[in-house]
């Protein structure tokens, strides 16, 4: 789902830029960062701004004419969100382990001793 989300976002960004005649203006960059941030806040609320700053900065550097494809923009977004994704996965794993430990502890206290 995150991959389709990224491709959708990338496609929207490309359509917005190409409809303006291509290239990057300050308005394009600001709009792209704002849209990116509002969407990334859904997935990575603590890291959305940093991800989107990275994303737009890299797109501008790699594609100064804004002539990138959805696949290229998706790859840049994946690169910029890699640390946040890893952090989210580690946090989910930690919470899962805590839950399992809690369940194990509850099972230990409810076990009836053998007679």
C-alpha atoms as a PDB file:
ATOM      1  CA  UNK A   1       0.000   0.000   0.000  1.00  0.00           C
ATOM      2  CA  UNK A   2       2.822   2.415   0.787  1.00  0.00           C
ATOM      3  CA  UNK A   3       4.276   1.772  -2.669  1.00  0.00           C
ATOM      4  CA  UNK A   4       0.992   2.644  -4.391  1.00  0.00           C
ATOM      5  CA  UNK A   5       0.697   5.696  -2.122  1.00  0.00           C
ATOM      6  CA  UNK A   6       4.153   6.817  -3.239  1.00  0.00           C
ATOM      7  CA  UNK A   7       3.384   6.278  -6.924  1.00  0.00           C
ATOM      8  CA  UNK A   8       0.092   8.155  -6.595  1.00  0.00           C
ATOM      9  CA  UNK A   9       1.822  11.056  -4.876  1.00  0.00           C
ATOM     10  CA  UNK A  10       4.612  11.075  -7.448  1.00  0.00           C
ATOM     11  CA  UNK A  11       2.124  11.116 -10.300  1.00  0.00           C
ATOM     12  CA  UNK A  12       0.228  14.019  -8.764  1.00  0.00           C
ATOM     13  CA  UNK A  13       3.436  15.989  -8.395  1.00  0.00           C
ATOM     14  CA  UNK A  14       4.471  15.380 -11.966  1.00  0.00           C
ATOM     15  CA  UNK A  15       1.052  16.383 -13.293  1.00  0.00           C
ATOM     16  CA  UNK A  16       1.168  19.575 -11.250  1.00  0.00           C
ATOM     17  CA  UNK A  17       4.619  20.471 -12.557  1.00  0.00           C
ATOM     18  CA  UNK A  18       4.022  19.545 -16.164  1.00  0.00           C
ATOM     19  CA  UNK A  19       0.819  21.570 -16.236  1.00  0.00           C
ATOM     20  CA  UNK A  20       2.906  24.603 -15.313  1.00  0.00           C
ATOM     21  CA  UNK A  21       5.232  24.215 -18.287  1.00  0.00           C
ATOM     22  CA  UNK A  22       7.918  22.158 -16.543  1.00  0.00           C
ATOM     23  CA  UNK A  23      10.882  23.313 -14.540  1.00  0.00           C
ATOM     24  CA  UNK A  24      10.980  24.344 -10.923  1.00  0.00           C
ATOM     25  CA  UNK A  25       9.742  27.618  -9.533  1.00  0.00           C
ATOM     26  CA  UNK A  26       9.722  28.553  -5.872  1.00  0.00           C
ATOM     27  CA  UNK A  27       5.951  28.169  -5.991  1.00  0.00           C
ATOM     28  CA  UNK A  28       6.293  24.625  -7.443  1.00  0.00           C
ATOM     29  CA  UNK A  29       8.767  23.607  -4.760  1.00  0.00           C
ATOM     30  CA  UNK A  30       6.706  25.082  -1.938  1.00  0.00           C
ATOM     31  CA  UNK A  31       3.525  23.481  -3.213  1.00  0.00           C
ATOM     32  CA  UNK A  32       5.236  20.116  -3.661  1.00  0.00           C
ATOM     33  CA  UNK A  33       6.696  20.247  -0.119  1.00  0.00           C
ATOM     34  CA  UNK A  34       3.336  21.194   1.393  1.00  0.00           C
ATOM     35  CA  UNK A  35       1.481  18.435  -0.438  1.00  0.00           C
ATOM     36  CA  UNK A  36       4.174  15.912   0.370  1.00  0.00           C
ATOM     37  CA  UNK A  37       4.211  16.874   4.046  1.00  0.00           C
ATOM     38  CA  UNK A  38       0.450  16.630   4.442  1.00  0.00           C
ATOM     39  CA  UNK A  39       0.491  13.145   2.890  1.00  0.00           C
ATOM     40  CA  UNK A  40       3.612  11.913   4.699  1.00  0.00           C
ATOM     41  CA  UNK A  41       2.188  13.017   8.057  1.00  0.00           C
ATOM     42  CA  UNK A  42      -0.299  10.164   7.672  1.00  0.00           C
ATOM     43  CA  UNK A  43       2.473   7.579   7.498  1.00  0.00           C
ATOM     44  CA  UNK A  44       5.421   9.229   9.295  1.00  0.00           C
ATOM     45  CA  UNK A  45       4.064  12.086  11.424  1.00  0.00           C
ATOM     46  CA  UNK A  46       7.349  12.817  13.212  1.00  0.00           C
ATOM     47  CA  UNK A  47       9.477  12.755  10.075  1.00  0.00           C
ATOM     48  CA  UNK A  48       7.197  14.174   7.381  1.00  0.00           C
ATOM     49  CA  UNK A  49       8.887  17.570   7.028  1.00  0.00           C
ATOM     50  CA  UNK A  50      12.407  16.135   6.844  1.00  0.00           C
ATOM     51  CA  UNK A  51      11.309  13.502   4.330  1.00  0.00           C
ATOM     52  CA  UNK A  52       9.660  16.073   2.099  1.00  0.00           C
ATOM     53  CA  UNK A  53      12.504  18.572   2.320  1.00  0.00           C
ATOM     54  CA  UNK A  54      14.844  15.781   1.222  1.00  0.00           C
ATOM     55  CA  UNK A  55      12.417  14.655  -1.484  1.00  0.00           C
ATOM     56  CA  UNK A  56      11.942  18.020  -3.152  1.00  0.00           C
ATOM     57  CA  UNK A  57      15.602  19.019  -2.780  1.00  0.00           C
ATOM     58  CA  UNK A  58      16.740  15.792  -4.457  1.00  0.00           C
ATOM     59  CA  UNK A  59      14.155  16.067  -7.228  1.00  0.00           C
ATOM     60  CA  UNK A  60      15.260  19.624  -7.979  1.00  0.00           C
ATOM     61  CA  UNK A  61      18.931  18.584  -7.988  1.00  0.00           C
ATOM     62  CA  UNK A  62      18.461  15.439 -10.075  1.00  0.00           C
ATOM     63  CA  UNK A  63      15.763  16.738 -12.422  1.00  0.00           C
ATOM     64  CA  UNK A  64      16.219  20.511 -12.838  1.00  0.00           C
ATOM     65  CA  UNK A  65      13.738  20.525 -15.730  1.00  0.00           C
ATOM     66  CA  UNK A  66      11.213  18.570 -13.621  1.00  0.00           C
ATOM     67  CA  UNK A  67      11.240  15.897 -16.305  1.00  0.00           C
ATOM     68  CA  UNK A  68      11.138  12.903 -13.969  1.00  0.00           C
ATOM     69  CA  UNK A  69       8.897   9.857 -14.280  1.00  0.00           C
ATOM     70  CA  UNK A  70       6.610   8.510 -11.548  1.00  0.00           C
ATOM     71  CA  UNK A  71       9.067   5.650 -11.012  1.00  0.00           C
ATOM     72  CA  UNK A  72      11.944   8.099 -10.552  1.00  0.00           C
ATOM     73  CA  UNK A  73      10.009  10.226  -8.080  1.00  0.00           C
ATOM     74  CA  UNK A  74       8.954   7.112  -6.202  1.00  0.00           C
ATOM     75  CA  UNK A  75      12.587   6.000  -5.954  1.00  0.00           C
ATOM     76  CA  UNK A  76      13.596   9.393  -4.540  1.00  0.00           C
ATOM     77  CA  UNK A  77      10.732   9.287  -2.044  1.00  0.00           C
ATOM     78  CA  UNK A  78      11.753   5.772  -0.986  1.00  0.00           C
ATOM     79  CA  UNK A  79      15.318   6.962  -0.483  1.00  0.00           C
ATOM     80  CA  UNK A  80      14.255   9.979   1.560  1.00  0.00           C
ATOM     81  CA  UNK A  81      11.862   7.983   3.737  1.00  0.00           C
ATOM     82  CA  UNK A  82      14.149   4.983   4.326  1.00  0.00           C
ATOM     83  CA  UNK A  83      15.283   6.085   7.797  1.00  0.00           C
ATOM     84  CA  UNK A  84      11.731   6.906   8.899  1.00  0.00           C
ATOM     85  CA  UNK A  85      10.512   3.565   7.561  1.00  0.00           C
ATOM     86  CA  UNK A  86      13.230   1.709   9.459  1.00  0.00           C
ATOM     87  CA  UNK A  87      12.430   3.632  12.639  1.00  0.00           C
ATOM     88  CA  UNK A  88       8.695   2.865  12.268  1.00  0.00           C
ATOM     89  CA  UNK A  89       9.399  -0.827  11.678  1.00  0.00           C
ATOM     90  CA  UNK A  90      11.650  -0.983  14.740  1.00  0.00           C
ATOM     91  CA  UNK A  91       9.007   0.755  16.847  1.00  0.00           C
ATOM     92  CA  UNK A  92       6.313  -1.649  15.629  1.00  0.00           C
ATOM     93  CA  UNK A  93       8.586  -4.599  16.436  1.00  0.00           C
ATOM     94  CA  UNK A  94       9.289  -3.175  19.911  1.00  0.00           C
ATOM     95  CA  UNK A  95       5.568  -2.719  20.610  1.00  0.00           C
ATOM     96  CA  UNK A  96       4.818  -6.228  19.364  1.00  0.00           C
ATOM     97  CA  UNK A  97       7.494  -7.653  21.638  1.00  0.00           C
ATOM     98  CA  UNK A  98       6.127  -5.692  24.604  1.00  0.00           C
ATOM     99  CA  UNK A  99       2.654  -7.018  23.886  1.00  0.00           C
ATOM    100  CA  UNK A 100       3.917 -10.605  23.650  1.00  0.00           C
ATOM    101  CA  UNK A 101       5.877 -10.203  26.885  1.00  0.00           C
ATOM    102  CA  UNK A 102       2.787  -8.798  28.581  1.00  0.00           C
ATOM    103  CA  UNK A 103       0.691 -11.720  27.362  1.00  0.00           C
ATOM    104  CA  UNK A 104       3.333 -14.180  28.581  1.00  0.00           C
ATOM    105  CA  UNK A 105       3.382 -12.505  31.995  1.00  0.00           C
ATOM    106  CA  UNK A 106      -0.421 -12.621  32.195  1.00  0.00           C
ATOM    107  CA  UNK A 107      -0.404 -16.311  31.283  1.00  0.00           C
ATOM    108  CA  UNK A 108       2.172 -16.998  33.988  1.00  0.00           C
ATOM    109  CA  UNK A 109       0.025 -15.385  36.679  1.00  0.00           C
ATOM    110  CA  UNK A 110      -3.165 -17.184  35.642  1.00  0.00           C
ATOM    111  CA  UNK A 111      -1.695 -20.667  35.415  1.00  0.00           C
ATOM    112  CA  UNK A 112      -3.261 -23.016  37.933  1.00  0.00           C
ATOM    113  CA  UNK A 113      -0.648 -24.951  39.890  1.00  0.00           C
ATOM    114  CA  UNK A 114      -0.650 -28.710  39.407  1.00  0.00           C
ATOM    115  CA  UNK A 115      -2.045 -30.709  42.324  1.00  0.00           C
END
